[in-house]
Amino acid sequence: MQETDALRDVENSLRDFIACVLERKFASDWINKCGISEERIKIWKERKEIEMTKFRSGTAEERPIYYADFYDLKTILQKNWNGEFSEALGELKRIEALLSILEGFRDSDAHRRELLQHQKHLIIGISGEIRNLLIKYRSKKETGEDYFPRIESVIDNLGNTWVAGKGNAIMTKSILRVGDTLEFVVTGSDPEGLELEYQVENFNEQGRNIWTKSNNLTVKIEENHIGRQSDFFIRIKSPRKYHAQSAWDDCVDFSYQVLPAKKLTL
């Protein structure tokens, strides 16, 4: 459902932005200095443990802030408002009001209460407004303009995560073999709300990979990917004539070690 996706995306965008800003300010111990009580942080960690247990055979988010509620995110913003948060999000009272509305709808969603049509549109509208503020802020910080779309986060099926503010590359410690399937989920946003296209490409297959409107990208690992450092470039672009980087607007590089397929033994 669009409204459920919108709630999830804006929540995660805020989590990523908060983590990035406060890690720059307080270093790796930022969670204990962000203004959240020890009791709330304990709840985050308990939720994380439950989630990790549920996803033993898959991947679960390891960052504690991903188990915070809208209430927690609002508290962190209030306690640390001066600086980048106010620059990006504008007036505190307005953001508090918007987050309070989303918080109420998150409770409804959690309890599976059916929402009215105008409420669904309200969720999508508020979520889009907040995400747009964040993407415009990042775009201006990086290029001086708010014209081009930006990637907000990329997650692969091996548990590697990239978020805005972490440079434009991630050197993973993951090892792939020929025959494996590599999957990416990309979250991006355009300052004017235009529909984005997505692509994943390796240098050894330039020109082969098409652009798609799906933000779920899949690569079948082949022999031409073998190498100590095999780079996969996740890109986005808007439908505009001009782009930030020739044929695309933003790009993130995920690096892996790729080995030959294991030999079967009889």
Protein backbone atom coordinates (compact mmCIF):
# COMPACT_ATOMS: atom_id res chain seq x y z
CA MET A 1 0.00 0.00 0.00
CA GLN A 2 1.32 3.45 -0.92
CA GLU A 3 0.65 5.01 2.47
CA THR A 4 2.44 2.18 4.28
CA ASP A 5 5.44 2.53 1.97
CA ALA A 6 5.39 6.31 2.48
CA LEU A 7 5.45 5.94 6.28
CA ARG A 8 8.32 3.46 6.12
CA ASP A 9 10.36 5.57 3.69
CA VAL A 10 10.04 8.85 5.58
CA GLU A 11 10.79 7.12 8.89
CA ASN A 12 13.92 5.54 7.47
CA SER A 13 15.00 8.77 5.76
CA LEU A 14 14.76 10.61 9.07
CA ARG A 15 16.61 7.84 10.89
CA ASP A 16 19.43 7.95 8.32
CA PHE A 17 19.64 11.74 8.41
CA ILE A 18 19.65 11.89 12.20
CA ALA A 19 22.32 9.19 12.46
CA CYS A 20 24.51 10.90 9.87
CA VAL A 21 24.28 14.36 11.47
CA LEU A 22 24.80 13.21 15.05
CA GLU A 23 27.62 10.82 14.18
CA ARG A 24 29.49 13.77 12.68
CA LYS A 25 28.80 15.76 15.84
CA PHE A 26 29.33 13.14 18.58
CA ALA A 27 31.23 10.32 16.76
CA SER A 28 30.25 6.67 17.18
CA ASP A 29 28.83 7.18 20.69
CA TRP A 30 26.15 9.57 19.41
CA ILE A 31 23.19 7.42 20.54
CA ASN A 32 24.13 7.92 24.19
CA LYS A 33 24.43 11.70 23.64
CA CYS A 34 21.37 12.33 21.46
CA GLY A 35 18.99 13.21 24.30
CA ILE A 36 17.05 9.95 24.41
CA SER A 37 16.61 8.32 27.82
CA GLU A 38 18.36 5.09 28.74
CA GLU A 39 14.95 3.43 29.05
CA ARG A 40 14.04 4.23 25.44
CA ILE A 41 17.43 3.10 24.14
CA LYS A 42 16.95 -0.16 26.05
CA ILE A 43 13.62 -0.63 24.24
CA TRP A 44 15.36 -0.09 20.88
CA LYS A 45 17.93 -2.76 21.74
CA GLU A 46 15.25 -5.20 22.88
CA ARG A 47 13.35 -4.72 19.62
CA LYS A 48 16.59 -5.27 17.72
CA GLU A 49 17.25 -8.55 19.52
CA ILE A 50 13.74 -9.78 18.71
CA GLU A 51 14.17 -8.83 15.06
CA MET A 52 17.60 -10.47 14.81
CA THR A 53 16.11 -13.68 16.25
CA LYS A 54 13.26 -13.62 13.72
CA PHE A 55 15.65 -13.15 10.79
CA ARG A 56 18.38 -15.64 11.63
CA SER A 57 18.27 -17.02 8.10
CA GLY A 58 18.11 -13.56 6.48
CA THR A 59 19.21 -10.03 7.22
CA ALA A 60 17.85 -7.64 9.82
CA GLU A 61 18.78 -3.99 10.35
CA GLU A 62 21.61 -3.76 12.88
CA ARG A 63 21.52 -0.02 13.63
CA PRO A 64 19.60 0.59 16.89
CA ILE A 65 17.94 3.79 15.63
CA TYR A 66 16.00 1.67 13.12
CA TYR A 67 13.97 0.42 16.09
CA ALA A 68 13.04 3.95 17.23
CA ASP A 69 9.50 5.34 16.95
CA PHE A 70 8.36 8.65 15.46
CA TYR A 71 8.12 9.84 19.09
CA ASP A 72 11.84 9.11 19.58
CA LEU A 73 12.82 10.81 16.32
CA LYS A 74 10.83 13.91 17.28
CA THR A 75 12.55 13.98 20.70
CA ILE A 76 16.01 13.75 19.12
CA LEU A 77 15.23 16.62 16.76
CA GLN A 78 13.93 18.76 19.63
CA LYS A 79 17.04 18.12 21.75
CA ASN A 80 19.48 18.82 18.89
CA TRP A 81 17.55 21.31 16.75
CA ASN A 82 20.12 24.07 16.27
CA GLY A 83 22.41 23.38 13.34
CA GLU A 84 21.81 21.00 10.47
CA PHE A 85 18.36 19.85 11.58
CA SER A 86 16.96 23.38 11.56
CA GLU A 87 18.78 24.18 8.29
CA ALA A 88 17.26 21.16 6.57
CA LEU A 89 13.77 21.05 8.08
CA GLY A 90 12.89 24.68 8.70
CA GLU A 91 10.56 25.60 11.56
CA LEU A 92 10.58 23.25 14.55
CA LYS A 93 6.90 23.66 15.45
CA ARG A 94 5.87 22.77 11.90
CA ILE A 95 8.01 19.62 11.84
CA GLU A 96 6.75 18.62 15.30
CA ALA A 97 3.17 18.93 14.06
CA LEU A 98 3.84 16.89 10.91
CA LEU A 99 5.62 14.14 12.83
CA SER A 100 2.82 14.01 15.41
CA ILE A 101 0.32 13.42 12.61
CA LEU A 102 2.44 10.64 11.12
CA GLU A 103 2.95 9.14 14.58
CA GLY A 104 -0.82 8.82 14.98
CA PHE A 105 -1.17 7.14 11.62
CA ARG A 106 1.74 4.80 12.38
CA ASP A 107 -0.23 3.58 15.41
CA SER A 108 -3.28 3.01 13.20
CA ASP A 109 -1.14 1.13 10.69
CA ALA A 110 0.41 -1.03 13.40
CA HIS A 111 -3.04 -2.03 14.63
CA ARG A 112 -4.28 -2.57 11.06
CA ARG A 113 -7.11 -0.06 11.35
CA GLU A 114 -8.46 0.84 7.92
CA LEU A 115 -7.68 4.41 6.93
CA LEU A 116 -9.99 6.70 5.00
CA GLN A 117 -8.95 7.83 1.54
CA HIS A 118 -8.16 11.41 2.57
CA GLN A 119 -6.03 10.09 5.45
CA LYS A 120 -3.99 7.99 3.04
CA HIS A 121 -3.40 11.06 0.87
CA LEU A 122 -2.40 13.04 3.97
CA ILE A 123 0.22 10.43 4.93
CA ILE A 124 1.68 10.38 1.42
CA GLY A 125 1.70 14.19 1.26
CA ILE A 126 3.38 14.77 4.64
CA SER A 127 5.91 11.98 4.03
CA GLY A 128 6.78 13.42 0.64
CA GLU A 129 7.15 16.93 2.08
CA ILE A 130 9.63 15.80 4.77
CA ARG A 131 11.66 13.63 2.41
CA ASN A 132 11.75 16.47 -0.11
CA LEU A 133 13.16 18.84 2.52
CA LEU A 134 15.94 16.35 3.28
CA ILE A 135 16.81 15.72 -0.36
CA LYS A 136 16.86 19.45 -1.16
CA TYR A 137 19.16 20.08 1.80
CA ARG A 138 21.57 17.38 0.74
CA SER A 139 21.50 18.52 -2.87
CA LYS A 140 22.29 22.12 -1.92
CA LYS A 141 25.09 21.03 0.41
CA GLU A 142 26.71 18.97 -2.34
CA THR A 143 26.06 21.00 -5.49
CA GLY A 144 24.68 24.36 -4.38
CA GLU A 145 21.45 23.51 -6.21
CA ASP A 146 18.24 21.65 -5.41
CA TYR A 147 17.64 20.62 -9.03
CA PHE A 148 18.96 17.06 -9.11
CA PRO A 149 17.58 13.91 -7.46
CA ARG A 150 19.62 12.05 -4.86
CA ILE A 151 19.96 8.50 -3.57
CA GLU A 152 18.91 8.34 0.09
CA SER A 153 19.84 4.74 0.90
CA VAL A 154 20.84 1.43 -0.69
CA ILE A 155 20.56 -1.98 0.98
CA ASP A 156 21.77 -5.26 -0.52
CA ASN A 157 20.60 -8.79 0.27
CA LEU A 158 23.82 -9.50 2.22
CA GLY A 159 23.09 -6.94 4.93
CA ASN A 160 25.30 -4.11 3.60
CA THR A 161 23.76 -0.64 3.89
CA TRP A 162 24.71 2.74 2.44
CA VAL A 163 23.00 5.96 3.56
CA ALA A 164 23.35 9.58 2.47
CA GLY A 165 26.32 11.34 4.03
CA LYS A 166 28.59 8.29 3.93
CA GLY A 167 30.54 9.26 0.81
CA ASN A 168 29.63 7.66 -2.50
CA ALA A 169 31.11 4.19 -2.04
CA ILE A 170 31.01 1.25 0.34
CA MET A 171 33.74 -1.40 0.46
CA THR A 172 31.87 -4.44 1.71
CA LYS A 173 33.51 -7.46 3.32
CA SER A 174 31.12 -9.77 1.50
CA ILE A 175 32.39 -12.53 -0.78
CA LEU A 176 30.31 -13.59 -3.79
CA ARG A 177 30.70 -16.56 -6.11
CA VAL A 178 29.70 -17.06 -9.71
CA GLY A 179 26.08 -18.14 -9.76
CA ASP A 180 25.05 -16.06 -6.73
CA THR A 181 22.30 -13.47 -6.96
CA LEU A 182 22.96 -9.93 -5.74
CA GLU A 183 19.97 -7.75 -4.94
CA PHE A 184 19.68 -4.03 -4.12
CA VAL A 185 16.79 -1.97 -2.76
CA VAL A 186 17.29 1.72 -3.58
CA THR A 187 15.52 4.68 -1.98
CA GLY A 188 15.81 7.93 -3.87
CA SER A 189 13.93 11.21 -4.20
CA ASP A 190 13.59 14.04 -6.72
CA PRO A 191 13.25 17.67 -5.52
CA GLU A 192 10.20 18.14 -7.75
CA GLY A 193 8.72 14.70 -7.16
CA LEU A 194 9.48 13.40 -10.66
CA GLU A 195 9.51 9.65 -11.24
CA LEU A 196 13.00 8.16 -11.11
CA GLU A 197 14.73 5.42 -13.08
CA TYR A 198 17.27 3.02 -11.60
CA GLN A 199 20.25 1.01 -12.85
CA VAL A 200 22.96 -1.27 -11.50
CA GLU A 201 26.06 -1.81 -13.63
CA ASN A 202 29.52 -3.35 -13.41
CA PHE A 203 32.45 -1.95 -15.43
CA ASN A 204 32.73 -5.29 -17.24
CA GLU A 205 29.18 -5.02 -18.55
CA GLN A 206 28.94 -1.36 -19.55
CA GLY A 207 25.99 -0.70 -21.80
CA ARG A 208 24.32 -4.03 -21.04
CA ASN A 209 22.16 -3.06 -18.10
CA ILE A 210 18.96 -1.20 -18.86
CA TRP A 211 17.27 1.50 -16.81
CA THR A 212 14.14 0.50 -14.93
CA LYS A 213 11.44 2.28 -12.92
CA SER A 214 11.69 -0.43 -10.24
CA ASN A 215 13.91 0.37 -7.26
CA ASN A 216 14.58 -3.35 -6.73
CA LEU A 217 17.67 -4.26 -8.76
CA THR A 218 19.02 -7.78 -9.31
CA VAL A 219 22.36 -9.00 -10.68
CA LYS A 220 23.29 -12.59 -11.49
CA ILE A 221 26.99 -13.00 -10.68
CA GLU A 222 28.94 -14.20 -13.74
CA GLU A 223 32.55 -15.05 -14.55
CA ASN A 224 33.24 -11.54 -15.88
CA HIS A 225 32.54 -10.23 -12.35
CA ILE A 226 35.40 -12.24 -10.80
CA GLY A 227 37.96 -10.09 -9.01
CA ARG A 228 39.41 -9.04 -5.66
CA GLN A 229 37.40 -5.81 -5.93
CA SER A 230 34.38 -6.00 -8.19
CA ASP A 231 32.38 -2.76 -8.22
CA PHE A 232 28.65 -2.48 -8.82
CA PHE A 233 27.38 1.04 -9.50
CA ILE A 234 23.82 1.85 -8.43
CA ARG A 235 22.53 4.89 -10.30
CA ILE A 236 19.39 7.00 -10.51
CA LYS A 237 18.21 9.59 -13.01
CA SER A 238 15.23 11.85 -13.53
CA PRO A 239 13.35 12.22 -16.85
CA ARG A 240 14.90 15.69 -17.34
CA LYS A 241 17.07 16.46 -20.35
CA TYR A 242 20.05 17.41 -18.19
CA HIS A 243 21.62 15.36 -15.38
CA ALA A 244 24.14 15.93 -12.60
CA GLN A 245 26.62 13.45 -14.09
CA SER A 246 26.25 13.24 -17.88
CA ALA A 247 23.75 10.35 -18.21
CA TRP A 248 22.65 10.04 -14.56
CA ASP A 249 22.10 12.14 -11.45
CA ASP A 250 23.50 10.17 -8.50
CA CYS A 251 25.57 7.03 -8.05
CA VAL A 252 26.73 4.76 -5.21
CA ASP A 253 29.47 2.15 -5.59
CA PHE A 254 29.21 -1.22 -3.78
CA SER A 255 32.44 -3.30 -3.87
CA TYR A 256 32.66 -7.06 -3.33
CA GLN A 257 35.21 -9.84 -3.72
CA VAL A 258 33.93 -12.23 -6.39
CA LEU A 259 35.30 -15.77 -6.67
CA PRO A 260 34.71 -18.61 -9.14
CA ALA A 261 31.84 -21.01 -8.50
CA LYS A 262 32.56 -23.80 -6.04
CA LYS A 263 33.35 -27.12 -7.64
CA LEU A 264 30.92 -29.87 -6.85
CA THR A 265 32.44 -32.95 -5.23
CA LEU A 266 30.92 -36.39 -5.69
